[in-house]
């Protein structure tokens, strides 16, 4: 390897007052079912919980996913509104 190095890039600090991003339908599902998966599988690893949640999500029918998709849509609208208000205050 040669001795050339990439210059370090610094990321801009995130404003703590900025609105939180919206959650996806899967995240609403995972938050609701994570404790259930843990209680059904005592001693399961963190990665194992994620794997089981992913399998359960894939197994859901579109009708079963619709409440989570509706929550995600509502959260997206909330985020867009909060973001617009936040950006208006910045100017």
Protein backbone atom coordinates (compact mmCIF):
# COMPACT_ATOMS: atom_id res chain seq x y z
CA UNK A 1 0.00 0.00 0.00
CA UNK A 2 1.11 3.51 -0.66
CA UNK A 3 1.53 6.09 2.07
CA UNK A 4 -1.31 8.32 0.87
CA UNK A 5 -4.23 8.70 3.23
CA UNK A 6 -7.65 10.10 2.76
CA UNK A 7 -8.16 13.34 4.62
CA UNK A 8 -10.55 12.93 7.52
CA UNK A 9 -13.98 14.33 6.86
CA UNK A 10 -15.93 15.77 9.73
CA UNK A 11 -19.67 15.43 9.84
CA UNK A 12 -21.86 18.34 10.73
CA UNK A 13 -23.32 17.99 14.22
CA UNK A 14 -27.02 17.20 14.24
CA UNK A 15 -29.19 19.87 15.81
CA UNK A 16 -30.77 18.37 18.96
CA UNK A 17 -33.85 20.53 18.33
CA UNK A 18 -34.41 19.08 14.86
CA UNK A 19 -37.51 16.86 14.54
CA UNK A 20 -37.07 13.10 14.82
CA UNK A 21 -37.35 11.12 11.58
CA UNK A 22 -40.52 9.18 10.91
CA UNK A 23 -40.67 5.45 11.63
CA UNK A 24 -41.34 2.84 8.97
CA UNK A 25 -44.24 0.41 9.11
CA UNK A 26 -41.77 -2.35 10.03
CA UNK A 27 -40.44 -0.32 12.96
CA UNK A 28 -43.95 0.16 14.36
CA UNK A 29 -44.44 -3.62 14.02
CA UNK A 30 -41.06 -4.37 15.65
CA UNK A 31 -41.65 -2.01 18.57
CA UNK A 32 -45.02 -3.62 19.24
CA UNK A 33 -43.79 -7.22 18.97
CA UNK A 34 -40.23 -7.13 20.33
CA UNK A 35 -41.21 -7.92 23.92
CA UNK A 36 -43.51 -10.75 22.77
CA UNK A 37 -40.64 -12.37 20.82
CA UNK A 38 -38.33 -12.04 23.85
CA UNK A 39 -40.87 -13.63 26.20
CA UNK A 40 -41.51 -16.52 23.78
CA UNK A 41 -37.75 -17.12 23.36
CA UNK A 42 -35.96 -16.59 26.69
CA UNK A 43 -32.21 -16.09 26.34
CA UNK A 44 -32.43 -15.08 22.68
CA UNK A 45 -29.66 -12.85 21.36
CA UNK A 46 -30.20 -9.30 20.12
CA UNK A 47 -29.59 -10.42 16.53
CA UNK A 48 -31.94 -13.37 16.98
CA UNK A 49 -34.76 -11.04 18.00
CA UNK A 50 -34.25 -9.00 14.84
CA UNK A 51 -34.16 -12.11 12.70
CA UNK A 52 -37.41 -13.47 14.16
CA UNK A 53 -39.12 -10.09 13.84
CA UNK A 54 -38.05 -9.92 10.19
CA UNK A 55 -39.43 -13.39 9.51
CA UNK A 56 -42.74 -12.53 11.21
CA UNK A 57 -42.99 -9.28 9.21
CA UNK A 58 -42.43 -11.11 5.92
CA UNK A 59 -45.09 -13.66 6.86
CA UNK A 60 -47.77 -11.00 7.39
CA UNK A 61 -50.46 -10.54 4.76
CA UNK A 62 -51.06 -7.07 3.28
CA UNK A 63 -54.21 -6.79 5.42
CA UNK A 64 -52.21 -7.55 8.57
CA UNK A 65 -49.57 -4.96 7.59
CA UNK A 66 -52.07 -2.20 6.85
CA UNK A 67 -52.45 -0.88 10.44
CA UNK A 68 -48.66 -0.49 10.69
CA UNK A 69 -48.51 1.16 7.26
CA UNK A 70 -51.23 3.58 8.37
CA UNK A 71 -49.24 4.45 11.51
CA UNK A 72 -46.14 4.99 9.35
CA UNK A 73 -48.08 7.26 6.98
CA UNK A 74 -49.38 9.32 9.92
CA UNK A 75 -45.88 9.54 11.39
CA UNK A 76 -44.49 10.65 8.03
CA UNK A 77 -47.06 13.47 7.89
CA UNK A 78 -46.10 14.44 11.46
CA UNK A 79 -42.43 14.54 10.53
CA UNK A 80 -43.01 16.59 7.38
CA UNK A 81 -45.08 19.12 9.36
CA UNK A 82 -42.51 19.36 12.16
CA UNK A 83 -39.69 19.66 9.61
CA UNK A 84 -41.49 22.49 7.78
CA UNK A 85 -42.02 24.32 11.08
CA UNK A 86 -38.39 23.75 12.08
CA UNK A 87 -37.04 25.01 8.75
CA UNK A 88 -39.30 28.08 8.91
CA UNK A 89 -37.85 28.93 12.34
CA UNK A 90 -34.29 28.57 11.01
CA UNK A 91 -34.72 31.37 8.47
